[in-house]
Amino acid sequence: MYKDIQSLLNEHLSQLFQSSDAPTIAWENLYVEVDENEIYLEPHLFPSDTYYPELGENAVAYLSGIYQVNVVAPKGQGWGDVADLVDSITEHFKRGTTLSNENMTLRISKVNFEPGIYNAKGNYVVPISIVYFSYYNN
């Protein structure tokens, strides 16, 4: 089920950036060489506890969590290009967006971003938190 969740969210993010001038996406646990002088994205899945609102053999599970997309930019590049990407991503994952495959359907319930910070490499990072939920039949 978590593979389905991550696949749906990763695919939806990929659909936003189909052009050749799109930022590099540093997918989780894959070696991706990023140009530290360019803006790139780092998506991560943070699932929450599974909740079982029903009992029984065919009970439904409530799955939720956060899909965090970090927009990473070189220090000193300014905020304009980062803000454009943040706006594009938050609009693409807007509240109410529904994603589905043959195994499940999930819905985006909330999207927000935090103020930018500097990471250990000195890059400017703006984290976008995309809150999702799904009901899953066991």
Protein backbone atom coordinates (compact mmCIF):
# COMPACT_ATOMS: atom_id res chain seq x y z
CA MET A 1 0.00 0.00 0.00
CA TYR A 2 2.84 2.46 0.72
CA LYS A 3 4.39 1.61 -2.62
CA ASP A 4 1.10 2.60 -4.25
CA ILE A 5 0.95 5.85 -2.28
CA GLN A 6 4.50 6.84 -3.15
CA SER A 7 4.05 5.82 -6.80
CA LEU A 8 0.89 7.93 -7.16
CA LEU A 9 2.49 10.99 -5.58
CA ASN A 10 5.78 10.63 -7.48
CA GLU A 11 3.93 10.21 -10.77
CA HIS A 12 1.81 13.29 -10.09
CA LEU A 13 4.96 15.34 -9.35
CA SER A 14 6.61 14.04 -12.55
CA GLN A 15 3.61 15.13 -14.64
CA LEU A 16 4.22 18.73 -13.61
CA PHE A 17 7.78 18.71 -14.92
CA GLN A 18 7.76 17.19 -18.41
CA SER A 19 9.74 19.91 -20.21
CA SER A 20 13.46 19.81 -20.91
CA ASP A 21 14.10 22.88 -18.75
CA ALA A 22 12.36 21.31 -15.73
CA PRO A 23 14.29 21.04 -12.47
CA THR A 24 16.03 17.78 -11.65
CA ILE A 25 14.13 15.59 -9.23
CA ALA A 26 16.42 13.78 -6.78
CA TRP A 27 14.21 10.74 -6.18
CA GLU A 28 14.49 9.03 -2.81
CA ASN A 29 17.18 6.33 -2.59
CA LEU A 30 18.26 6.71 -6.22
CA TYR A 31 21.58 8.10 -7.32
CA VAL A 32 20.81 11.32 -9.15
CA GLU A 33 23.58 13.72 -9.98
CA VAL A 34 22.31 17.21 -9.32
CA ASP A 35 23.94 20.43 -10.43
CA GLU A 36 24.48 22.31 -7.16
CA ASN A 37 24.28 25.57 -9.14
CA GLU A 38 20.71 24.83 -10.26
CA ILE A 39 17.41 24.45 -8.45
CA TYR A 40 16.34 20.86 -7.86
CA LEU A 41 13.61 18.97 -5.97
CA GLU A 42 13.81 16.34 -3.22
CA PRO A 43 10.56 14.42 -2.59
CA HIS A 44 10.11 12.29 0.55
CA LEU A 45 7.21 10.21 1.87
CA PHE A 46 6.41 10.40 5.60
CA PRO A 47 3.53 8.03 6.31
CA SER A 48 1.62 8.41 9.56
CA ASP A 49 0.15 5.67 11.73
CA THR A 50 -2.48 3.54 10.03
CA TYR A 51 -5.89 3.88 11.63
CA TYR A 52 -8.51 1.12 11.52
CA PRO A 53 -11.94 2.71 12.01
CA GLU A 54 -13.72 -0.61 11.49
CA LEU A 55 -13.36 -4.18 12.70
CA GLY A 56 -13.71 -7.33 10.68
CA GLU A 57 -12.15 -9.35 7.94
CA ASN A 58 -12.80 -6.77 5.21
CA ALA A 59 -12.22 -3.71 7.39
CA VAL A 60 -11.06 -0.48 5.81
CA ALA A 61 -7.75 1.07 6.85
CA TYR A 62 -7.30 4.85 6.97
CA LEU A 63 -3.85 5.80 5.70
CA SER A 64 -2.46 9.30 5.92
CA GLY A 65 0.83 11.12 5.90
CA ILE A 66 2.91 13.85 4.37
CA TYR A 67 4.59 13.93 0.99
CA GLN A 68 7.29 16.54 1.42
CA VAL A 69 8.88 18.16 -1.61
CA ASN A 70 11.96 20.23 -0.84
CA VAL A 71 12.77 22.95 -3.36
CA VAL A 72 16.55 23.30 -3.13
CA ALA A 73 18.36 26.32 -4.59
CA PRO A 74 21.93 27.60 -4.49
CA LYS A 75 22.62 30.15 -1.77
CA GLY A 76 22.41 33.72 -3.05
CA GLN A 77 20.23 32.97 -6.10
CA GLY A 78 17.28 34.90 -4.71
CA TRP A 79 13.73 33.85 -3.97
CA GLY A 80 11.90 34.51 -7.28
CA ASP A 81 12.57 31.21 -9.08
CA VAL A 82 12.03 29.25 -5.88
CA ALA A 83 8.70 31.01 -5.26
CA ASP A 84 7.58 30.21 -8.83
CA LEU A 85 8.29 26.51 -8.27
CA VAL A 86 6.59 26.52 -4.87
CA ASP A 87 3.50 28.12 -6.44
CA SER A 88 3.47 25.55 -9.29
CA ILE A 89 3.80 22.58 -6.95
CA THR A 90 1.22 23.79 -4.42
CA GLU A 91 -1.26 24.48 -7.22
CA HIS A 92 -0.63 21.07 -8.83
CA PHE A 93 -1.25 19.30 -5.49
CA LYS A 94 -4.09 21.59 -4.40
CA ARG A 95 -6.59 20.51 -1.75
CA GLY A 96 -9.10 18.02 -3.13
CA THR A 97 -6.80 16.59 -5.80
CA THR A 98 -7.58 12.88 -6.23
CA LEU A 99 -5.01 10.35 -7.45
CA SER A 100 -5.80 6.72 -8.13
CA ASN A 101 -4.57 3.47 -9.60
CA GLU A 102 -6.05 -0.05 -9.71
CA ASN A 103 -5.30 -0.59 -6.00
CA MET A 104 -6.28 2.64 -4.28
CA THR A 105 -7.46 6.22 -4.42
CA LEU A 106 -5.90 8.96 -2.35
CA ARG A 107 -6.84 12.56 -1.83
CA ILE A 108 -4.84 15.65 -0.98
CA SER A 109 -6.30 17.33 2.11
CA LYS A 110 -3.85 20.18 2.69
CA VAL A 111 -0.77 21.80 1.17
CA ASN A 112 1.50 24.34 2.82
CA PHE A 113 5.09 25.45 2.74
CA GLU A 114 7.49 26.58 5.42
CA PRO A 115 9.92 29.50 5.40
CA GLY A 116 13.19 28.75 3.66
CA ILE A 117 16.17 27.41 5.60
CA TYR A 118 19.80 26.68 4.74
CA ASN A 119 20.88 23.03 4.75
CA ALA A 120 24.31 21.66 5.72
CA LYS A 121 25.60 22.25 2.16
CA GLY A 122 24.61 25.92 2.36
CA ASN A 123 21.70 25.56 -0.09
CA TYR A 124 18.44 27.41 0.39
CA VAL A 125 15.60 24.90 1.00
CA VAL A 126 11.85 25.53 1.02
CA PRO A 127 9.91 22.46 2.23
CA ILE A 128 6.41 21.91 0.85
CA SER A 129 4.19 19.61 2.92
CA ILE A 130 1.46 17.82 1.00
CA VAL A 131 -0.93 16.07 3.39
CA TYR A 132 -2.73 13.05 1.93
CA PHE A 133 -5.19 10.39 3.07
CA SER A 134 -6.67 7.20 1.67
CA TYR A 135 -9.08 4.50 2.68
CA TYR A 136 -7.65 1.11 1.84
CA ASN A 137 -9.42 -2.24 1.83
CA ASN A 138 -7.28 -4.92 3.42
